[in-house]
Amino acid sequence: MYPLKSDDKTNAKVCAKAVKISFKQAREIGRLIKGKKSSAAIKYLEEVIVLKKPVPFGRFNTNMAHRSGMSAASYPVNAGKKMIELLESAEKNAEYKGLEVKNLYVKNVWATRASSYTTPKRSPFRGRSKKSANISLLLEEREVKAVKAVEKQKPAKSKPEAKAPVAAKKETPKPKVDKPDTKKVNVAPVKKDAKPVVKEKTEAKKAVEEKQEVAKA
């Protein structure tokens, strides 16, 4: 009845034979809750029973209505009740083994077709053939991952104190310095007296002539 291998130290399982529900509905419910936390799966199925949340059908959805946010879906009330019973039974088995119920996840749900049966004669639906299913459910305890080092709490930023307004410094006026007048002044060129130069030349000639005369004598 248990198609998958299980570890008795971390797994808890439950099996039910000839449950009076459709194996198709049991299969789709198992596909939905697989991998979820057992408490979350029970909570979801309770909302299915109250017709708040539907179960999506990937198969066996011929002529099935679509629901908001998903394609073909339905509300399998009876199958949901039976699956809740199996989940609670598996949790009790895990608790008996010493496993933590908070860390249990649905590892696998296995559903197959069981033998059909007919309703009793005194039933209003007497003589009708009904389907049943064999269901195996496996829960697994998963270790909670250690939380990484928590970031240091940053100190609350204190608002900067309002500083008193600083009086603006008055700039002392610099003493004015009289700048020299750089304007160009047109100065008339001074003409040299040409006469003294001429006199010097004549005196030099005379001295030369006198020397020549003395030499001849």
N, C-alpha and C. Protein backbone atom coordinates (compact mmCIF):
# COMPACT_ATOMS: atom_id res chain seq x y z
N MET A 1 0.81 -1.22 0.00
CA MET A 1 0.00 0.00 0.00
C MET A 1 0.84 1.27 0.00
N TYR A 2 2.13 1.17 0.35
CA TYR A 2 2.99 2.33 0.37
C TYR A 2 3.99 2.23 -0.78
N PRO A 3 3.72 2.88 -1.90
CA PRO A 3 4.56 2.71 -3.08
C PRO A 3 5.94 3.32 -2.95
N LEU A 4 6.12 4.30 -2.08
CA LEU A 4 7.40 4.98 -1.94
C LEU A 4 8.10 4.52 -0.66
N LYS A 5 9.42 4.50 -0.73
CA LYS A 5 10.19 4.15 0.46
C LYS A 5 10.13 5.31 1.46
N SER A 6 10.10 4.98 2.71
CA SER A 6 9.99 6.01 3.75
C SER A 6 10.98 5.72 4.86
N ASP A 7 11.39 6.78 5.51
CA ASP A 7 12.29 6.68 6.65
C ASP A 7 11.46 6.80 7.92
N ASP A 8 11.45 5.75 8.72
CA ASP A 8 10.61 5.74 9.92
C ASP A 8 11.02 6.81 10.94
N LYS A 9 12.26 7.29 10.85
CA LYS A 9 12.72 8.28 11.82
C LYS A 9 12.12 9.67 11.55
N THR A 10 11.87 9.96 10.29
CA THR A 10 11.38 11.30 9.95
C THR A 10 10.03 11.29 9.24
N ASN A 11 9.50 10.12 8.94
CA ASN A 11 8.24 10.03 8.19
C ASN A 11 7.14 9.38 9.03
N ALA A 12 5.91 9.79 8.71
CA ALA A 12 4.72 9.18 9.31
C ALA A 12 3.73 8.94 8.19
N LYS A 13 3.09 7.78 8.19
CA LYS A 13 2.20 7.42 7.10
C LYS A 13 0.88 6.86 7.62
N VAL A 14 -0.09 6.89 6.72
CA VAL A 14 -1.40 6.35 7.03
C VAL A 14 -1.98 5.77 5.74
N CYS A 15 -2.78 4.75 5.89
CA CYS A 15 -3.36 4.07 4.73
C CYS A 15 -4.84 3.80 4.98
N ALA A 16 -5.64 3.98 3.95
CA ALA A 16 -7.08 3.70 4.06
C ALA A 16 -7.51 2.93 2.82
N LYS A 17 -8.25 1.83 3.03
CA LYS A 17 -8.70 0.99 1.93
C LYS A 17 -10.19 1.19 1.70
N ALA A 18 -10.56 1.17 0.44
CA ALA A 18 -11.96 1.23 0.03
C ALA A 18 -12.70 2.41 0.67
N VAL A 19 -12.08 3.57 0.58
CA VAL A 19 -12.73 4.79 1.08
C VAL A 19 -13.82 5.17 0.08
N LYS A 20 -14.99 5.51 0.59
CA LYS A 20 -16.14 5.74 -0.29
C LYS A 20 -16.11 7.14 -0.90
N ILE A 21 -15.07 7.37 -1.67
CA ILE A 21 -14.95 8.61 -2.45
C ILE A 21 -14.38 8.25 -3.82
N SER A 22 -14.48 9.16 -4.75
CA SER A 22 -13.94 8.92 -6.08
C SER A 22 -12.42 9.03 -6.04
N PHE A 23 -11.75 8.07 -6.65
CA PHE A 23 -10.29 8.11 -6.65
C PHE A 23 -9.79 9.28 -7.50
N LYS A 24 -10.62 9.73 -8.45
CA LYS A 24 -10.24 10.88 -9.27
C LYS A 24 -10.14 12.14 -8.41
N GLN A 25 -11.14 12.33 -7.56
CA GLN A 25 -11.11 13.48 -6.67
C GLN A 25 -9.96 13.36 -5.66
N ALA A 26 -9.74 12.13 -5.15
CA ALA A 26 -8.65 11.93 -4.21
C ALA A 26 -7.30 12.22 -4.87
N ARG A 27 -7.16 11.85 -6.13
CA ARG A 27 -5.91 12.09 -6.83
C ARG A 27 -5.66 13.58 -7.01
N GLU A 28 -6.68 14.34 -7.40
CA GLU A 28 -6.50 15.78 -7.63
C GLU A 28 -6.25 16.53 -6.31
N ILE A 29 -6.90 16.07 -5.24
CA ILE A 29 -6.64 16.70 -3.94
C ILE A 29 -5.20 16.41 -3.50
N GLY A 30 -4.75 15.17 -3.72
CA GLY A 30 -3.37 14.84 -3.37
C GLY A 30 -2.36 15.66 -4.17
N ARG A 31 -2.66 15.90 -5.44
CA ARG A 31 -1.77 16.73 -6.26
C ARG A 31 -1.74 18.17 -5.76
N LEU A 32 -2.85 18.61 -5.19
CA LEU A 32 -2.92 19.99 -4.69
C LEU A 32 -2.15 20.17 -3.40
N ILE A 33 -2.29 19.23 -2.47
CA ILE A 33 -1.69 19.42 -1.14
C ILE A 33 -0.26 18.88 -1.05
N LYS A 34 0.24 18.23 -2.09
CA LYS A 34 1.59 17.69 -2.04
C LYS A 34 2.60 18.81 -1.92
N GLY A 35 3.52 18.66 -0.96
CA GLY A 35 4.54 19.67 -0.74
C GLY A 35 4.15 20.75 0.23
N LYS A 36 2.87 20.79 0.63
CA LYS A 36 2.42 21.81 1.56
C LYS A 36 2.60 21.33 3.00
N LYS A 37 2.56 22.28 3.90
CA LYS A 37 2.59 21.94 5.31
C LYS A 37 1.26 21.26 5.66
N SER A 38 1.31 20.29 6.54
CA SER A 38 0.09 19.54 6.85
C SER A 38 -0.99 20.44 7.44
N SER A 39 -0.60 21.39 8.30
CA SER A 39 -1.58 22.30 8.87
C SER A 39 -2.19 23.20 7.79
N ALA A 40 -1.37 23.64 6.84
CA ALA A 40 -1.89 24.48 5.75
C ALA A 40 -2.81 23.68 4.84
N ALA A 41 -2.50 22.40 4.62
CA ALA A 41 -3.36 21.56 3.78
C ALA A 41 -4.72 21.35 4.43
N ILE A 42 -4.73 21.11 5.74
CA ILE A 42 -6.01 20.94 6.45
C ILE A 42 -6.83 22.22 6.39
N LYS A 43 -6.17 23.34 6.56
CA LYS A 43 -6.88 24.63 6.52
C LYS A 43 -7.49 24.87 5.15
N TYR A 44 -6.75 24.54 4.09
CA TYR A 44 -7.26 24.74 2.73
C TYR A 44 -8.46 23.83 2.48
N LEU A 45 -8.38 22.58 2.89
CA LEU A 45 -9.48 21.65 2.65
C LEU A 45 -10.73 22.04 3.46
N GLU A 46 -10.53 22.65 4.62
CA GLU A 46 -11.69 23.13 5.38
C GLU A 46 -12.42 24.23 4.62
N GLU A 47 -11.68 25.05 3.90
CA GLU A 47 -12.31 26.09 3.08
C GLU A 47 -12.96 25.50 1.85
N VAL A 48 -12.44 24.38 1.36
CA VAL A 48 -13.08 23.69 0.24
C VAL A 48 -14.44 23.14 0.67
N ILE A 49 -14.51 22.61 1.88
CA ILE A 49 -15.78 22.05 2.39
C ILE A 49 -16.84 23.14 2.51
N VAL A 50 -16.42 24.34 2.87
CA VAL A 50 -17.36 25.45 3.04
C VAL A 50 -17.62 26.15 1.71
N LEU A 51 -17.06 25.65 0.62
CA LEU A 51 -17.23 26.20 -0.73
C LEU A 51 -16.63 27.60 -0.87
N LYS A 52 -15.50 27.83 -0.19
CA LYS A 52 -14.80 29.11 -0.32
C LYS A 52 -13.68 29.02 -1.34
N LYS A 53 -12.97 27.90 -1.37
CA LYS A 53 -11.87 27.71 -2.31
C LYS A 53 -12.08 26.41 -3.07
N PRO A 54 -11.89 26.43 -4.40
CA PRO A 54 -12.07 25.21 -5.19
C PRO A 54 -10.77 24.42 -5.32
N VAL A 55 -10.90 23.20 -5.79
CA VAL A 55 -9.76 22.33 -6.08
C VAL A 55 -9.59 22.27 -7.59
N PRO A 56 -8.45 22.74 -8.12
CA PRO A 56 -8.26 22.66 -9.59
C PRO A 56 -8.07 21.23 -10.05
N PHE A 57 -8.68 20.90 -11.19
CA PHE A 57 -8.59 19.56 -11.76
C PHE A 57 -7.76 19.63 -13.03
N GLY A 58 -6.56 19.01 -12.98
CA GLY A 58 -5.74 18.94 -14.19
C GLY A 58 -6.20 17.85 -15.14
N ARG A 59 -6.80 16.79 -14.57
CA ARG A 59 -7.36 15.69 -15.36
C ARG A 59 -8.81 15.45 -14.90
N PHE A 60 -9.49 14.62 -15.62
CA PHE A 60 -10.88 14.26 -15.29
C PHE A 60 -11.76 15.52 -15.15
N ASN A 61 -11.55 16.47 -16.06
CA ASN A 61 -12.28 17.74 -15.97
C ASN A 61 -13.22 17.97 -17.15
N THR A 62 -13.72 16.88 -17.73
CA THR A 62 -14.64 17.01 -18.86
C THR A 62 -15.95 17.66 -18.38
N ASN A 63 -16.38 18.68 -19.13
CA ASN A 63 -17.63 19.41 -18.82
C ASN A 63 -17.62 20.00 -17.40
N MET A 64 -16.44 20.37 -16.94
CA MET A 64 -16.34 20.98 -15.60
C MET A 64 -16.23 22.49 -15.74
N ALA A 65 -16.93 23.19 -14.88
CA ALA A 65 -16.95 24.65 -14.96
C ALA A 65 -15.60 25.23 -14.55
N HIS A 66 -15.31 26.42 -15.07
CA HIS A 66 -14.10 27.15 -14.70
C HIS A 66 -14.40 28.05 -13.51
N ARG A 67 -13.38 28.28 -12.70
CA ARG A 67 -13.52 29.16 -11.53
C ARG A 67 -12.61 30.37 -11.71
N SER A 68 -12.89 31.40 -10.92
CA SER A 68 -12.11 32.62 -11.05
C SER A 68 -10.67 32.37 -10.63
N GLY A 69 -9.73 32.81 -11.47
CA GLY A 69 -8.32 32.65 -11.18
C GLY A 69 -7.74 31.31 -11.56
N MET A 70 -8.53 30.39 -12.08
CA MET A 70 -8.03 29.07 -12.50
C MET A 70 -8.96 28.51 -13.57
N SER A 71 -8.53 27.40 -14.15
CA SER A 71 -9.33 26.78 -15.20
C SER A 71 -10.39 25.89 -14.56
N ALA A 72 -10.50 24.66 -15.00
CA ALA A 72 -11.53 23.75 -14.48
C ALA A 72 -11.26 23.44 -13.01
N ALA A 73 -12.28 23.60 -12.18
CA ALA A 73 -12.14 23.36 -10.74
C ALA A 73 -13.50 22.96 -10.18
N SER A 74 -13.48 22.36 -8.99
CA SER A 74 -14.70 21.88 -8.37
C SER A 74 -14.54 21.92 -6.85
N TYR A 75 -15.64 21.59 -6.14
CA TYR A 75 -15.65 21.56 -4.67
C TYR A 75 -15.98 20.13 -4.20
N PRO A 76 -14.99 19.24 -4.15
CA PRO A 76 -15.25 17.87 -3.69
C PRO A 76 -15.37 17.83 -2.15
N VAL A 77 -16.58 18.00 -1.65
CA VAL A 77 -16.80 18.13 -0.21
C VAL A 77 -16.50 16.81 0.51
N ASN A 78 -17.10 15.73 0.05
CA ASN A 78 -16.90 14.44 0.74
C ASN A 78 -15.43 14.00 0.70
N ALA A 79 -14.79 14.16 -0.45
CA ALA A 79 -13.38 13.78 -0.56
C ALA A 79 -12.52 14.66 0.33
N GLY A 80 -12.89 15.93 0.44
CA GLY A 80 -12.13 16.83 1.31
C GLY A 80 -12.22 16.41 2.78
N LYS A 81 -13.40 16.00 3.21
CA LYS A 81 -13.56 15.55 4.60
C LYS A 81 -12.72 14.31 4.89
N LYS A 82 -12.72 13.35 3.95
CA LYS A 82 -11.95 12.12 4.16
C LYS A 82 -10.44 12.42 4.19
N MET A 83 -9.98 13.36 3.35
CA MET A 83 -8.56 13.69 3.33
C MET A 83 -8.14 14.40 4.62
N ILE A 84 -9.03 15.21 5.18
CA ILE A 84 -8.72 15.86 6.46
C ILE A 84 -8.57 14.81 7.55
N GLU A 85 -9.44 13.79 7.53
CA GLU A 85 -9.34 12.72 8.53
C GLU A 85 -8.00 11.98 8.40
N LEU A 86 -7.58 11.72 7.17
CA LEU A 86 -6.31 11.03 6.96
C LEU A 86 -5.13 11.89 7.41
N LEU A 87 -5.19 13.17 7.12
CA LEU A 87 -4.10 14.06 7.54
C LEU A 87 -3.99 14.13 9.06
N GLU A 88 -5.12 14.24 9.72
CA GLU A 88 -5.09 14.29 11.19
C GLU A 88 -4.59 12.97 11.77
N SER A 89 -4.98 11.85 11.15
CA SER A 89 -4.51 10.55 11.62
C SER A 89 -3.00 10.42 11.43
N ALA A 90 -2.47 10.92 10.30
CA ALA A 90 -1.03 10.86 10.06
C ALA A 90 -0.28 11.76 11.05
N GLU A 91 -0.85 12.91 11.41
CA GLU A 91 -0.22 13.78 12.40
C GLU A 91 -0.14 13.10 13.77
N LYS A 92 -1.18 12.36 14.13
CA LYS A 92 -1.15 11.64 15.41
C LYS A 92 -0.09 10.54 15.41
N ASN A 93 0.05 9.87 14.26
CA ASN A 93 1.11 8.86 14.16
C ASN A 93 2.50 9.49 14.30
N ALA A 94 2.67 10.69 13.71
CA ALA A 94 3.95 11.38 13.82
C ALA A 94 4.21 11.83 15.26
N GLU A 95 3.15 12.31 15.90
CA GLU A 95 3.31 12.74 17.30
C GLU A 95 3.66 11.56 18.20
N TYR A 96 3.11 10.41 17.90
CA TYR A 96 3.42 9.20 18.67
C TYR A 96 4.90 8.82 18.50
N LYS A 97 5.46 9.07 17.32
CA LYS A 97 6.87 8.77 17.07
C LYS A 97 7.80 9.80 17.68
N GLY A 98 7.26 10.91 18.14
CA GLY A 98 8.09 11.96 18.70
C GLY A 98 8.49 13.03 17.71
N LEU A 99 7.82 13.09 16.56
CA LEU A 99 8.11 14.12 15.57
C LEU A 99 7.35 15.41 15.91
N GLU A 100 7.89 16.51 15.47
CA GLU A 100 7.25 17.80 15.70
C GLU A 100 6.18 18.02 14.63
N VAL A 101 4.95 18.20 15.08
CA VAL A 101 3.83 18.36 14.15
C VAL A 101 3.97 19.65 13.35
N LYS A 102 4.61 20.67 13.94
CA LYS A 102 4.72 21.95 13.25
C LYS A 102 5.59 21.85 12.00
N ASN A 103 6.50 20.89 11.98
CA ASN A 103 7.45 20.78 10.86
C ASN A 103 7.09 19.67 9.88
N LEU A 104 5.82 19.20 9.91
CA LEU A 104 5.40 18.12 9.01
C LEU A 104 4.92 18.68 7.68
N TYR A 105 5.37 18.04 6.61
CA TYR A 105 4.96 18.40 5.26
C TYR A 105 4.41 17.16 4.55
N VAL A 106 3.52 17.39 3.61
CA VAL A 106 2.94 16.29 2.83
C VAL A 106 3.97 15.88 1.77
N LYS A 107 4.56 14.74 1.95
CA LYS A 107 5.57 14.27 0.99
C LYS A 107 4.93 13.64 -0.23
N ASN A 108 3.89 12.82 -0.02
CA ASN A 108 3.26 12.17 -1.16
C ASN A 108 1.86 11.70 -0.79
N VAL A 109 0.97 11.71 -1.78
CA VAL A 109 -0.38 11.16 -1.63
C VAL A 109 -0.60 10.22 -2.81
N TRP A 110 -0.97 9.02 -2.52
CA TRP A 110 -1.14 8.00 -3.54
C TRP A 110 -2.58 7.50 -3.50
N ALA A 111 -3.27 7.60 -4.63
CA ALA A 111 -4.68 7.18 -4.70
C ALA A 111 -4.88 6.27 -5.90
N THR A 112 -5.56 5.15 -5.68
CA THR A 112 -5.87 4.21 -6.76
C THR A 112 -7.34 3.80 -6.68
N ARG A 113 -7.81 3.25 -7.78
CA ARG A 113 -9.19 2.82 -7.83
C ARG A 113 -9.38 1.52 -7.02
N ALA A 114 -10.38 1.51 -6.17
CA ALA A 114 -10.70 0.31 -5.39
C ALA A 114 -11.95 -0.35 -5.98
N SER A 115 -12.35 -1.40 -5.37
CA SER A 115 -13.53 -2.11 -5.87
C SER A 115 -14.78 -1.27 -5.68
N SER A 116 -15.72 -1.37 -6.60
CA SER A 116 -16.98 -0.64 -6.50
C SER A 116 -17.96 -1.44 -5.64
N TYR A 117 -18.97 -0.74 -5.16
CA TYR A 117 -19.97 -1.39 -4.30
C TYR A 117 -21.34 -0.84 -4.68
N THR A 118 -22.36 -1.56 -4.30
CA THR A 118 -23.73 -1.14 -4.59
C THR A 118 -24.38 -0.68 -3.30
N THR A 119 -25.24 0.29 -3.42
CA THR A 119 -25.92 0.83 -2.25
C THR A 119 -26.94 -0.20 -1.72
N PRO A 120 -27.17 -0.18 -0.41
CA PRO A 120 -28.12 -1.16 0.14
C PRO A 120 -29.54 -0.92 -0.35
N LYS A 121 -30.39 -1.93 -0.19
CA LYS A 121 -31.76 -1.84 -0.71
C LYS A 121 -32.58 -0.79 0.02
N ARG A 122 -32.31 -0.58 1.30
CA ARG A 122 -33.10 0.38 2.05
C ARG A 122 -32.68 1.83 1.79
N SER A 123 -31.61 2.03 1.07
CA SER A 123 -31.16 3.39 0.76
C SER A 123 -32.05 3.99 -0.33
N PRO A 124 -32.24 5.31 -0.27
CA PRO A 124 -33.03 5.93 -1.35
C PRO A 124 -32.37 5.77 -2.71
N PHE A 125 -31.03 5.60 -2.74
CA PHE A 125 -30.31 5.39 -3.99
C PHE A 125 -29.94 3.91 -4.12
N ARG A 126 -30.87 3.03 -3.77
CA ARG A 126 -30.57 1.60 -3.75
C ARG A 126 -30.30 1.06 -5.15
N GLY A 127 -29.41 0.09 -5.16
CA GLY A 127 -29.10 -0.58 -6.41
C GLY A 127 -28.10 0.16 -7.29
N ARG A 128 -27.55 1.27 -6.81
CA ARG A 128 -26.60 2.02 -7.63
C ARG A 128 -25.17 1.59 -7.31
N SER A 129 -24.35 1.62 -8.34
CA SER A 129 -22.95 1.25 -8.17
C SER A 129 -22.15 2.48 -7.77
N LYS A 130 -21.37 2.35 -6.73
CA LYS A 130 -20.55 3.45 -6.23
C LYS A 130 -19.07 3.09 -6.34
N LYS A 131 -18.25 4.14 -6.46
CA LYS A 131 -16.81 3.94 -6.57
C LYS A 131 -16.15 4.14 -5.22
N SER A 132 -14.97 3.57 -5.08
CA SER A 132 -14.19 3.76 -3.86
C SER A 132 -12.71 3.87 -4.24
N ALA A 133 -11.89 4.27 -3.28
CA ALA A 133 -10.48 4.50 -3.56
C ALA A 133 -9.62 4.00 -2.41
N ASN A 134 -8.42 3.56 -2.75
CA ASN A 134 -7.40 3.24 -1.77
C ASN A 134 -6.43 4.42 -1.69
N ILE A 135 -6.19 4.91 -0.51
CA ILE A 135 -5.39 6.13 -0.36
C ILE A 135 -4.26 5.86 0.63
N SER A 136 -3.07 6.27 0.25
CA SER A 136 -1.90 6.24 1.13
C SER A 136 -1.35 7.65 1.23
N LEU A 137 -1.06 8.08 2.45
CA LEU A 137 -0.60 9.45 2.68
C LEU A 137 0.68 9.39 3.50
N LEU A 138 1.68 10.15 3.08
CA LEU A 138 2.99 10.13 3.73
C LEU A 138 3.37 11.55 4.13
N LEU A 139 3.67 11.72 5.41
CA LEU A 139 4.15 13.00 5.95
C LEU A 139 5.63 12.90 6.28
N GLU A 140 6.32 14.01 6.15
CA GLU A 140 7.76 14.06 6.40
C GLU A 140 8.08 15.25 7.28
N GLU A 141 8.94 15.01 8.26
CA GLU A 141 9.42 16.11 9.12
C GLU A 141 10.64 16.73 8.47
N ARG A 142 10.56 18.02 8.26
CA ARG A 142 11.68 18.75 7.65
C ARG A 142 12.28 19.69 8.68
N GLU A 143 13.61 19.73 8.69
CA GLU A 143 14.29 20.59 9.63
C GLU A 143 14.10 22.04 9.22
N VAL A 144 13.89 22.86 10.22
CA VAL A 144 13.75 24.29 9.95
C VAL A 144 15.14 24.84 9.70
N LYS A 145 15.29 25.52 8.58
CA LYS A 145 16.60 26.07 8.25
C LYS A 145 16.99 27.15 9.25
N ALA A 146 18.25 27.05 9.69
CA ALA A 146 18.73 28.04 10.66
C ALA A 146 18.73 29.41 10.02
N VAL A 147 18.19 30.33 10.77
CA VAL A 147 18.11 31.70 10.25
C VAL A 147 19.51 32.28 10.26
N LYS A 148 19.85 32.97 9.20
CA LYS A 148 21.17 33.57 9.11
C LYS A 148 21.30 34.69 10.15
N ALA A 149 22.53 35.10 10.34
CA ALA A 149 22.79 36.14 11.35
C ALA A 149 21.90 37.34 11.08
N VAL A 150 21.19 37.71 12.15
CA VAL A 150 20.23 38.82 12.00
C VAL A 150 21.02 40.11 11.86
N GLU A 151 20.55 40.91 10.98
CA GLU A 151 21.23 42.18 10.78
C GLU A 151 21.14 43.01 12.05
N LYS A 152 22.24 43.64 12.33
CA LYS A 152 22.27 44.47 13.53
C LYS A 152 21.25 45.59 13.39
N GLN A 153 20.56 45.78 14.49
CA GLN A 153 19.55 46.83 14.45
C GLN A 153 20.26 48.18 14.37
N LYS A 154 19.87 48.89 13.39
CA LYS A 154 20.49 50.20 13.21
C LYS A 154 19.87 51.18 14.20
N PRO A 155 20.71 51.99 14.86
CA PRO A 155 20.15 52.96 15.81
C PRO A 155 19.28 53.97 15.08
N ALA A 156 18.23 54.34 15.79
CA ALA A 156 17.30 55.29 15.17
C ALA A 156 18.01 56.61 14.92
N LYS A 157 17.83 57.09 13.75
CA LYS A 157 18.47 58.34 13.38
C LYS A 157 17.82 59.49 14.14
N SER A 158 18.64 60.17 14.93
CA SER A 158 18.12 61.32 15.67
C SER A 158 18.12 62.54 14.77
N LYS A 159 17.07 63.29 14.90
CA LYS A 159 16.95 64.48 14.07
C LYS A 159 18.01 65.49 14.49
N PRO A 160 18.68 66.13 13.56
CA PRO A 160 19.70 67.12 13.92
C PRO A 160 19.06 68.30 14.63
N GLU A 161 19.76 68.71 15.70
CA GLU A 161 19.24 69.85 16.46
C GLU A 161 19.29 71.10 15.61
N ALA A 162 18.26 71.90 15.81
CA ALA A 162 18.18 73.14 15.04
C ALA A 162 19.23 74.11 15.55
N LYS A 163 20.11 74.50 14.67
CA LYS A 163 21.17 75.42 15.06
C LYS A 163 20.66 76.86 15.05
N ALA A 164 21.20 77.61 16.01
CA ALA A 164 20.82 79.02 16.09
C ALA A 164 21.36 79.74 14.87
N PRO A 165 20.58 80.67 14.33
CA PRO A 165 21.05 81.39 13.14
C PRO A 165 22.29 82.22 13.45
N VAL A 166 23.29 82.07 12.63
CA VAL A 166 24.55 82.79 12.81
C VAL A 166 24.45 84.13 12.12
N ALA A 167 24.81 85.18 12.90
CA ALA A 167 24.74 86.53 12.33
C ALA A 167 25.80 86.68 11.26
N ALA A 168 25.41 87.26 10.18
CA ALA A 168 26.35 87.44 9.08
C ALA A 168 27.41 88.46 9.46
N LYS A 169 28.67 88.11 9.20
CA LYS A 169 29.78 89.02 9.51
C LYS A 169 29.80 90.19 8.54
N LYS A 170 29.94 91.36 9.14
CA LYS A 170 30.02 92.56 8.30
C LYS A 170 31.45 92.73 7.82
N GLU A 171 31.60 92.83 6.55
CA GLU A 171 32.93 93.01 6.00
C GLU A 171 33.38 94.45 6.17
N THR A 172 34.57 94.61 6.79
CA THR A 172 35.12 95.96 6.99
C THR A 172 35.60 96.51 5.65
N PRO A 173 35.18 97.70 5.33
CA PRO A 173 35.60 98.25 4.03
C PRO A 173 37.10 98.49 3.98
N LYS A 174 37.74 98.06 2.94
CA LYS A 174 39.18 98.26 2.77
C LYS A 174 39.48 99.70 2.38
N PRO A 175 40.61 100.25 2.96
CA PRO A 175 40.95 101.65 2.60
C PRO A 175 41.31 101.76 1.13
N LYS A 176 40.82 102.82 0.53
CA LYS A 176 41.07 103.03 -0.88
C LYS A 176 42.49 103.54 -1.09
N VAL A 177 43.19 102.94 -1.99
CA VAL A 177 44.56 103.35 -2.31
C VAL A 177 44.54 104.05 -3.66
N ASP A 178 45.17 105.24 -3.65
CA ASP A 178 45.20 106.00 -4.92
C ASP A 178 46.15 105.32 -5.89
N LYS A 179 45.59 104.89 -6.94
CA LYS A 179 46.40 104.23 -7.96
C LYS A 179 47.10 105.26 -8.82
N PRO A 180 48.37 104.98 -9.16
CA PRO A 180 49.08 105.97 -10.02
C PRO A 180 48.42 106.05 -11.38
N ASP A 181 48.45 107.26 -11.87
CA ASP A 181 47.83 107.49 -13.17
C ASP A 181 48.74 106.93 -14.25
N THR A 182 48.27 105.87 -14.86
CA THR A 182 49.09 105.17 -15.85
C THR A 182 48.88 105.69 -17.25
N LYS A 183 48.19 106.83 -17.35
CA LYS A 183 47.95 107.36 -18.69
C LYS A 183 49.26 107.87 -19.29
N LYS A 184 49.49 107.55 -20.52
CA LYS A 184 50.71 107.98 -21.22
C LYS A 184 50.67 109.48 -21.48
N VAL A 185 51.83 110.08 -21.12
CA VAL A 185 51.95 111.53 -21.37
C VAL A 185 52.89 111.73 -22.56
N ASN A 186 52.39 112.42 -23.56
CA ASN A 186 53.21 112.68 -24.75
C ASN A 186 54.22 113.79 -24.44
N VAL A 187 55.47 113.36 -24.32
CA VAL A 187 56.55 114.34 -24.03
C VAL A 187 57.28 114.63 -25.32
N ALA A 188 57.43 115.88 -25.59
CA ALA A 188 58.11 116.29 -26.82
C ALA A 188 59.59 115.97 -26.71
N PRO A 189 60.18 115.36 -27.73
CA PRO A 189 61.61 115.01 -27.67
C PRO A 189 62.46 116.27 -27.59
N VAL A 190 63.52 116.18 -26.77
CA VAL A 190 64.41 117.33 -26.57
C VAL A 190 65.44 117.34 -27.70
N LYS A 191 65.50 118.44 -28.40
CA LYS A 191 66.43 118.57 -29.50
C LYS A 191 67.78 119.05 -28.96
N LYS A 192 68.82 118.37 -29.35
CA LYS A 192 70.15 118.73 -28.93
C LYS A 192 70.68 119.91 -29.77
N ASP A 193 71.48 120.67 -29.10
CA ASP A 193 72.05 121.81 -29.82
C ASP A 193 73.15 121.31 -30.74
N ALA A 194 73.00 121.57 -32.05
CA ALA A 194 73.95 121.05 -33.03
C ALA A 194 75.22 121.92 -33.15
N LYS A 195 75.15 123.14 -32.64
CA LYS A 195 76.28 124.05 -32.81
C LYS A 195 77.53 123.60 -32.06
N PRO A 196 77.46 123.21 -30.79
CA PRO A 196 78.69 122.79 -30.11
C PRO A 196 79.41 121.65 -30.80
N VAL A 197 78.69 120.76 -31.43
CA VAL A 197 79.31 119.64 -32.12
C VAL A 197 80.16 120.15 -33.27
N VAL A 198 79.64 121.12 -34.01
CA VAL A 198 80.37 121.68 -35.16
C VAL A 198 81.65 122.36 -34.68
N LYS A 199 81.58 123.07 -33.55
CA LYS A 199 82.74 123.76 -33.01
C LYS A 199 83.84 122.76 -32.65
N GLU A 200 83.47 121.66 -32.03
CA GLU A 200 84.45 120.66 -31.64
C GLU A 200 85.16 120.10 -32.86
N LYS A 201 84.40 119.86 -33.93
CA LYS A 201 85.02 119.34 -35.15
C LYS A 201 86.03 120.34 -35.74
N THR A 202 85.71 121.61 -35.76
CA THR A 202 86.63 122.62 -36.33
C THR A 202 87.88 122.73 -35.48
N GLU A 203 87.76 122.68 -34.17
CA GLU A 203 88.93 122.76 -33.30
C GLU A 203 89.82 121.55 -33.48
N ALA A 204 89.22 120.37 -33.71
CA ALA A 204 90.03 119.18 -33.90
C ALA A 204 90.83 119.27 -35.19
N LYS A 205 90.20 119.82 -36.23
CA LYS A 205 90.89 119.98 -37.50
C LYS A 205 92.07 120.93 -37.35
N LYS A 206 91.83 121.99 -36.62
CA LYS A 206 92.91 122.96 -36.44
C LYS A 206 94.09 122.34 -35.70
N ALA A 207 93.79 121.53 -34.69
CA ALA A 207 94.88 120.91 -33.93
C ALA A 207 95.67 119.97 -34.82
N VAL A 208 94.99 119.26 -35.70
CA VAL A 208 95.69 118.34 -36.60
C VAL A 208 96.58 119.11 -37.54
N GLU A 209 96.08 120.21 -38.07
CA GLU A 209 96.85 121.02 -39.02
C GLU A 209 98.10 121.57 -38.35
N GLU A 210 97.93 122.00 -37.09
CA GLU A 210 99.09 122.56 -36.39
C GLU A 210 100.17 121.50 -36.20
N LYS A 211 99.77 120.29 -35.87
CA LYS A 211 100.74 119.24 -35.69
C LYS A 211 101.49 118.96 -37.01
N GLN A 212 100.73 118.97 -38.14
CA GLN A 212 101.36 118.72 -39.41
C GLN A 212 102.42 119.82 -39.76
N GLU A 213 102.09 121.08 -39.47
CA GLU A 213 103.02 122.18 -39.76
C GLU A 213 104.30 122.06 -38.92
N VAL A 214 104.11 121.65 -37.63
CA VAL A 214 105.28 121.51 -36.77
C VAL A 214 106.15 120.36 -37.26
N ALA A 215 105.55 119.36 -37.76
CA ALA A 215 106.31 118.24 -38.27
C ALA A 215 107.10 118.62 -39.51
N LYS A 216 106.54 119.45 -40.37
CA LYS A 216 107.24 119.86 -41.59
C LYS A 216 108.44 120.74 -41.25
N ALA A 217 108.32 121.60 -40.27
CA ALA A 217 109.41 122.50 -39.90
C ALA A 217 110.54 121.70 -39.26
